[in-house]
């Protein structure tokens, strides 16, 4: 145990951290766009560009992910962890967004 190294992350740890976060960060924008899209169809009203804006935000997070993936080729276990995190984060976000859409997201 080295007290000087507590809280210090290596490059590989930073890349792992960034890849994981960016893979989950697009979920709220995608959920919001999906819910607004369905609401727009249901009400038969325009949404004045919000759906496109939210999808662009989700896509922006995907582009960030691809930037970090140039530094890492995630293995099967890492991809499985990301998949589980996305499923859980999606379920949590869609629940909260449907309960209170004015709050936007978690």
N, C-alpha and C. Protein backbone atom coordinates (compact mmCIF):
# COMPACT_ATOMS: atom_id res chain seq x y z
N UNK A 1 0.84 -1.18 0.00
CA UNK A 1 0.00 0.00 0.00
C UNK A 1 0.88 1.24 0.00
N UNK A 2 0.63 2.12 -0.95
CA UNK A 2 1.40 3.35 -1.04
C UNK A 2 0.44 4.53 -0.92
N UNK A 3 0.54 5.27 0.18
CA UNK A 3 -0.37 6.39 0.45
C UNK A 3 -0.24 7.49 -0.60
N UNK A 4 0.94 7.60 -1.23
CA UNK A 4 1.14 8.63 -2.24
C UNK A 4 0.35 8.34 -3.51
N UNK A 5 0.01 7.10 -3.74
CA UNK A 5 -0.69 6.69 -4.97
C UNK A 5 -2.22 6.67 -4.82
N UNK A 6 -2.75 6.95 -3.63
CA UNK A 6 -4.19 6.93 -3.41
C UNK A 6 -4.83 8.04 -4.24
N UNK A 7 -5.81 7.68 -5.05
CA UNK A 7 -6.51 8.66 -5.87
C UNK A 7 -5.82 8.98 -7.18
N UNK A 8 -4.65 8.39 -7.43
CA UNK A 8 -3.93 8.62 -8.68
C UNK A 8 -4.29 7.50 -9.64
N UNK A 9 -4.74 7.89 -10.84
CA UNK A 9 -5.15 6.90 -11.83
C UNK A 9 -4.15 6.86 -12.97
N UNK A 10 -3.92 5.68 -13.49
CA UNK A 10 -3.04 5.52 -14.65
C UNK A 10 -3.81 5.92 -15.91
N UNK A 11 -3.10 6.02 -17.03
CA UNK A 11 -3.74 6.34 -18.31
C UNK A 11 -4.79 5.30 -18.65
N UNK A 12 -4.48 4.03 -18.45
CA UNK A 12 -5.42 2.96 -18.76
C UNK A 12 -6.69 3.07 -17.92
N UNK A 13 -6.53 3.43 -16.65
CA UNK A 13 -7.70 3.59 -15.78
C UNK A 13 -8.56 4.77 -16.23
N UNK A 14 -7.92 5.86 -16.65
CA UNK A 14 -8.67 7.02 -17.15
C UNK A 14 -9.43 6.66 -18.42
N UNK A 15 -8.80 5.92 -19.30
CA UNK A 15 -9.47 5.51 -20.54
C UNK A 15 -10.64 4.58 -20.23
N UNK A 16 -10.44 3.61 -19.33
CA UNK A 16 -11.54 2.73 -18.92
C UNK A 16 -12.70 3.55 -18.37
N UNK A 17 -12.37 4.49 -17.51
CA UNK A 17 -13.37 5.36 -16.88
C UNK A 17 -14.14 6.14 -17.95
N UNK A 18 -13.42 6.75 -18.88
CA UNK A 18 -14.04 7.56 -19.93
C UNK A 18 -14.90 6.70 -20.86
N UNK A 19 -14.41 5.54 -21.25
CA UNK A 19 -15.18 4.66 -22.13
C UNK A 19 -16.47 4.24 -21.45
N UNK A 20 -16.39 3.87 -20.20
CA UNK A 20 -17.59 3.46 -19.47
C UNK A 20 -18.59 4.60 -19.36
N UNK A 21 -18.11 5.78 -18.94
CA UNK A 21 -19.02 6.91 -18.77
C UNK A 21 -19.64 7.36 -20.09
N UNK A 22 -18.86 7.42 -21.15
CA UNK A 22 -19.39 7.86 -22.44
C UNK A 22 -20.38 6.85 -23.01
N UNK A 23 -20.20 5.57 -22.68
CA UNK A 23 -21.13 4.56 -23.19
C UNK A 23 -22.48 4.65 -22.49
N UNK A 24 -22.52 5.24 -21.32
CA UNK A 24 -23.77 5.39 -20.58
C UNK A 24 -24.35 6.80 -20.74
N UNK A 25 -23.50 7.77 -21.07
CA UNK A 25 -23.92 9.17 -21.10
C UNK A 25 -24.95 9.48 -22.18
N UNK A 26 -25.02 8.69 -23.22
CA UNK A 26 -25.97 8.96 -24.30
C UNK A 26 -27.39 8.49 -23.96
N UNK A 27 -27.54 7.71 -22.92
CA UNK A 27 -28.84 7.13 -22.60
C UNK A 27 -29.90 8.20 -22.30
N UNK A 28 -29.65 9.21 -21.45
CA UNK A 28 -30.70 10.19 -21.16
C UNK A 28 -31.20 10.95 -22.39
N UNK A 29 -30.29 11.36 -23.26
CA UNK A 29 -30.71 12.05 -24.48
C UNK A 29 -31.55 11.18 -25.38
N UNK A 30 -31.18 9.92 -25.49
CA UNK A 30 -31.94 8.99 -26.33
C UNK A 30 -33.33 8.75 -25.75
N UNK A 31 -33.42 8.62 -24.44
CA UNK A 31 -34.72 8.42 -23.79
C UNK A 31 -35.60 9.64 -23.99
N UNK A 32 -35.05 10.81 -23.75
CA UNK A 32 -35.84 12.04 -23.91
C UNK A 32 -36.32 12.19 -25.34
N UNK A 33 -35.47 11.91 -26.31
CA UNK A 33 -35.86 12.00 -27.72
C UNK A 33 -36.96 10.99 -28.03
N UNK A 34 -36.83 9.78 -27.52
CA UNK A 34 -37.83 8.75 -27.77
C UNK A 34 -39.18 9.12 -27.18
N UNK A 35 -39.18 9.60 -25.94
CA UNK A 35 -40.43 9.96 -25.29
C UNK A 35 -41.07 11.15 -26.00
N UNK A 36 -40.27 12.16 -26.36
CA UNK A 36 -40.82 13.32 -27.08
C UNK A 36 -41.35 12.92 -28.46
N UNK A 37 -40.66 12.00 -29.12
CA UNK A 37 -41.10 11.53 -30.43
C UNK A 37 -42.47 10.86 -30.32
N UNK A 38 -42.61 9.97 -29.36
CA UNK A 38 -43.88 9.27 -29.18
C UNK A 38 -44.99 10.24 -28.78
N UNK A 39 -44.65 11.21 -27.93
CA UNK A 39 -45.65 12.21 -27.53
C UNK A 39 -46.09 13.06 -28.72
N UNK A 40 -45.13 13.42 -29.56
CA UNK A 40 -45.44 14.20 -30.76
C UNK A 40 -46.36 13.42 -31.69
N UNK A 41 -46.08 12.13 -31.86
CA UNK A 41 -46.95 11.30 -32.70
C UNK A 41 -48.34 11.14 -32.08
N UNK A 42 -48.37 10.94 -30.79
CA UNK A 42 -49.64 10.73 -30.10
C UNK A 42 -50.52 11.97 -30.14
N UNK A 43 -49.92 13.14 -29.93
CA UNK A 43 -50.67 14.39 -29.94
C UNK A 43 -50.85 14.97 -31.34
N UNK A 44 -50.09 14.39 -32.28
CA UNK A 44 -50.11 14.86 -33.67
C UNK A 44 -49.75 16.35 -33.73
N UNK A 45 -48.68 16.68 -33.01
CA UNK A 45 -48.17 18.05 -32.95
C UNK A 45 -46.67 18.05 -33.22
N UNK A 46 -46.18 19.15 -33.76
CA UNK A 46 -44.74 19.30 -33.94
C UNK A 46 -44.07 19.54 -32.60
N UNK A 47 -42.81 19.21 -32.50
CA UNK A 47 -42.10 19.46 -31.25
C UNK A 47 -41.07 20.59 -31.40
N UNK A 48 -41.03 21.22 -32.56
CA UNK A 48 -40.19 22.39 -32.83
C UNK A 48 -38.70 22.12 -32.66
N UNK A 49 -38.25 20.95 -33.08
CA UNK A 49 -36.83 20.65 -33.14
C UNK A 49 -36.20 20.00 -31.93
N UNK A 50 -36.98 19.76 -30.88
CA UNK A 50 -36.39 19.18 -29.67
C UNK A 50 -35.91 17.75 -29.88
N UNK A 51 -36.65 16.98 -30.65
CA UNK A 51 -36.25 15.59 -30.87
C UNK A 51 -34.88 15.55 -31.54
N UNK A 52 -34.72 16.34 -32.58
CA UNK A 52 -33.44 16.38 -33.30
C UNK A 52 -32.30 16.84 -32.37
N UNK A 53 -32.58 17.85 -31.56
CA UNK A 53 -31.55 18.35 -30.63
C UNK A 53 -31.13 17.26 -29.64
N UNK A 54 -32.09 16.54 -29.10
CA UNK A 54 -31.78 15.49 -28.13
C UNK A 54 -31.03 14.33 -28.78
N UNK A 55 -31.41 13.98 -30.00
CA UNK A 55 -30.68 12.93 -30.71
C UNK A 55 -29.26 13.35 -31.04
N UNK A 56 -29.07 14.63 -31.37
CA UNK A 56 -27.72 15.12 -31.64
C UNK A 56 -26.87 15.06 -30.38
N UNK A 57 -27.46 15.34 -29.24
CA UNK A 57 -26.73 15.25 -27.98
C UNK A 57 -26.31 13.80 -27.70
N UNK A 58 -27.22 12.87 -27.92
CA UNK A 58 -26.89 11.45 -27.73
C UNK A 58 -25.79 11.03 -28.71
N UNK A 59 -25.88 11.50 -29.94
CA UNK A 59 -24.86 11.17 -30.94
C UNK A 59 -23.51 11.78 -30.57
N UNK A 60 -23.53 12.97 -29.99
CA UNK A 60 -22.30 13.62 -29.55
C UNK A 60 -21.58 12.76 -28.51
N UNK A 61 -22.34 12.17 -27.60
CA UNK A 61 -21.74 11.28 -26.60
C UNK A 61 -21.14 10.05 -27.27
N UNK A 62 -21.80 9.55 -28.31
CA UNK A 62 -21.27 8.39 -29.06
C UNK A 62 -19.95 8.74 -29.74
N UNK A 63 -19.86 9.95 -30.28
CA UNK A 63 -18.61 10.39 -30.90
C UNK A 63 -17.50 10.48 -29.87
N UNK A 64 -17.83 10.98 -28.67
CA UNK A 64 -16.83 10.99 -27.59
C UNK A 64 -16.36 9.58 -27.28
N UNK A 65 -17.29 8.63 -27.25
CA UNK A 65 -16.94 7.23 -26.98
C UNK A 65 -15.94 6.73 -28.02
N UNK A 66 -16.21 7.00 -29.30
CA UNK A 66 -15.31 6.52 -30.35
C UNK A 66 -13.93 7.16 -30.25
N UNK A 67 -13.88 8.39 -29.78
CA UNK A 67 -12.58 9.03 -29.56
C UNK A 67 -11.76 8.24 -28.54
N UNK A 68 -12.38 7.86 -27.43
CA UNK A 68 -11.67 7.11 -26.40
C UNK A 68 -11.40 5.67 -26.82
N UNK A 69 -12.24 5.12 -27.69
CA UNK A 69 -12.02 3.74 -28.13
C UNK A 69 -10.78 3.60 -29.01
N UNK A 70 -10.24 4.71 -29.48
CA UNK A 70 -8.97 4.64 -30.21
C UNK A 70 -7.83 4.22 -29.28
N UNK A 71 -8.04 4.41 -27.98
CA UNK A 71 -7.02 4.07 -26.98
C UNK A 71 -7.26 2.71 -26.32
N UNK A 72 -8.43 2.12 -26.54
CA UNK A 72 -8.75 0.88 -25.83
C UNK A 72 -9.63 0.01 -26.71
N UNK A 73 -9.36 -1.27 -26.68
CA UNK A 73 -10.23 -2.26 -27.32
C UNK A 73 -10.83 -3.09 -26.19
N UNK A 74 -12.05 -2.74 -25.76
CA UNK A 74 -12.64 -3.41 -24.59
C UNK A 74 -12.86 -4.89 -24.83
N UNK A 75 -12.59 -5.66 -23.81
CA UNK A 75 -12.83 -7.09 -23.88
C UNK A 75 -14.28 -7.45 -23.58
N UNK A 76 -14.57 -8.72 -23.59
CA UNK A 76 -15.92 -9.22 -23.41
C UNK A 76 -16.50 -8.84 -22.04
N UNK A 77 -15.71 -8.97 -20.99
CA UNK A 77 -16.19 -8.65 -19.64
C UNK A 77 -16.54 -7.17 -19.53
N UNK A 78 -15.66 -6.31 -20.04
CA UNK A 78 -15.91 -4.87 -20.01
C UNK A 78 -17.19 -4.53 -20.78
N UNK A 79 -17.37 -5.14 -21.95
CA UNK A 79 -18.57 -4.89 -22.76
C UNK A 79 -19.83 -5.38 -22.04
N UNK A 80 -19.72 -6.48 -21.34
CA UNK A 80 -20.86 -7.00 -20.59
C UNK A 80 -21.23 -6.04 -19.45
N UNK A 81 -20.22 -5.51 -18.76
CA UNK A 81 -20.47 -4.55 -17.69
C UNK A 81 -21.14 -3.30 -18.25
N UNK A 82 -20.68 -2.83 -19.40
CA UNK A 82 -21.29 -1.66 -20.05
C UNK A 82 -22.74 -1.96 -20.41
N UNK A 83 -22.99 -3.15 -20.95
CA UNK A 83 -24.35 -3.52 -21.34
C UNK A 83 -25.28 -3.52 -20.12
N UNK A 84 -24.84 -4.12 -19.03
CA UNK A 84 -25.65 -4.16 -17.81
C UNK A 84 -25.89 -2.75 -17.30
N UNK A 85 -24.86 -1.92 -17.29
CA UNK A 85 -25.01 -0.53 -16.82
C UNK A 85 -26.00 0.23 -17.69
N UNK A 86 -25.93 0.04 -19.01
CA UNK A 86 -26.87 0.72 -19.90
C UNK A 86 -28.30 0.26 -19.66
N UNK A 87 -28.51 -1.02 -19.48
CA UNK A 87 -29.85 -1.54 -19.22
C UNK A 87 -30.40 -0.96 -17.92
N UNK A 88 -29.60 -0.98 -16.87
CA UNK A 88 -30.05 -0.44 -15.58
C UNK A 88 -30.29 1.07 -15.66
N UNK A 89 -29.37 1.79 -16.28
CA UNK A 89 -29.50 3.24 -16.40
C UNK A 89 -30.70 3.60 -17.27
N UNK A 90 -30.93 2.82 -18.34
CA UNK A 90 -32.09 3.05 -19.20
C UNK A 90 -33.38 2.86 -18.41
N UNK A 91 -33.48 1.75 -17.68
CA UNK A 91 -34.69 1.47 -16.90
C UNK A 91 -34.95 2.56 -15.87
N UNK A 92 -33.90 2.96 -15.18
CA UNK A 92 -34.05 4.00 -14.16
C UNK A 92 -34.45 5.34 -14.80
N UNK A 93 -33.78 5.72 -15.89
CA UNK A 93 -34.07 7.00 -16.53
C UNK A 93 -35.45 7.03 -17.16
N UNK A 94 -35.85 5.98 -17.83
CA UNK A 94 -37.18 5.98 -18.47
C UNK A 94 -38.26 6.06 -17.40
N UNK A 95 -38.07 5.39 -16.29
CA UNK A 95 -39.04 5.44 -15.19
C UNK A 95 -39.17 6.86 -14.67
N UNK A 96 -38.04 7.49 -14.35
CA UNK A 96 -38.08 8.86 -13.82
C UNK A 96 -38.58 9.85 -14.85
N UNK A 97 -38.22 9.67 -16.10
CA UNK A 97 -38.65 10.60 -17.14
C UNK A 97 -40.16 10.50 -17.37
N UNK A 98 -40.70 9.30 -17.31
CA UNK A 98 -42.14 9.15 -17.49
C UNK A 98 -42.92 9.67 -16.29
N UNK A 99 -42.35 9.54 -15.09
CA UNK A 99 -43.00 10.06 -13.88
C UNK A 99 -42.99 11.58 -13.89
N UNK A 100 -41.85 12.17 -14.23
CA UNK A 100 -41.71 13.61 -14.16
C UNK A 100 -40.88 14.12 -15.34
N UNK A 101 -41.49 14.29 -16.51
CA UNK A 101 -40.73 14.70 -17.70
C UNK A 101 -40.15 16.11 -17.58
N UNK A 102 -40.68 16.95 -16.71
CA UNK A 102 -40.14 18.30 -16.55
C UNK A 102 -38.77 18.30 -15.90
N UNK A 103 -38.47 17.26 -15.16
CA UNK A 103 -37.16 17.16 -14.51
C UNK A 103 -36.07 16.73 -15.50
N UNK A 104 -36.43 16.29 -16.66
CA UNK A 104 -35.57 15.91 -17.78
C UNK A 104 -34.88 14.57 -17.58
N UNK A 105 -34.17 14.38 -16.52
CA UNK A 105 -33.43 13.14 -16.33
C UNK A 105 -32.82 13.13 -14.96
N UNK A 106 -32.20 12.00 -14.64
CA UNK A 106 -31.51 11.86 -13.35
C UNK A 106 -30.23 12.63 -13.39
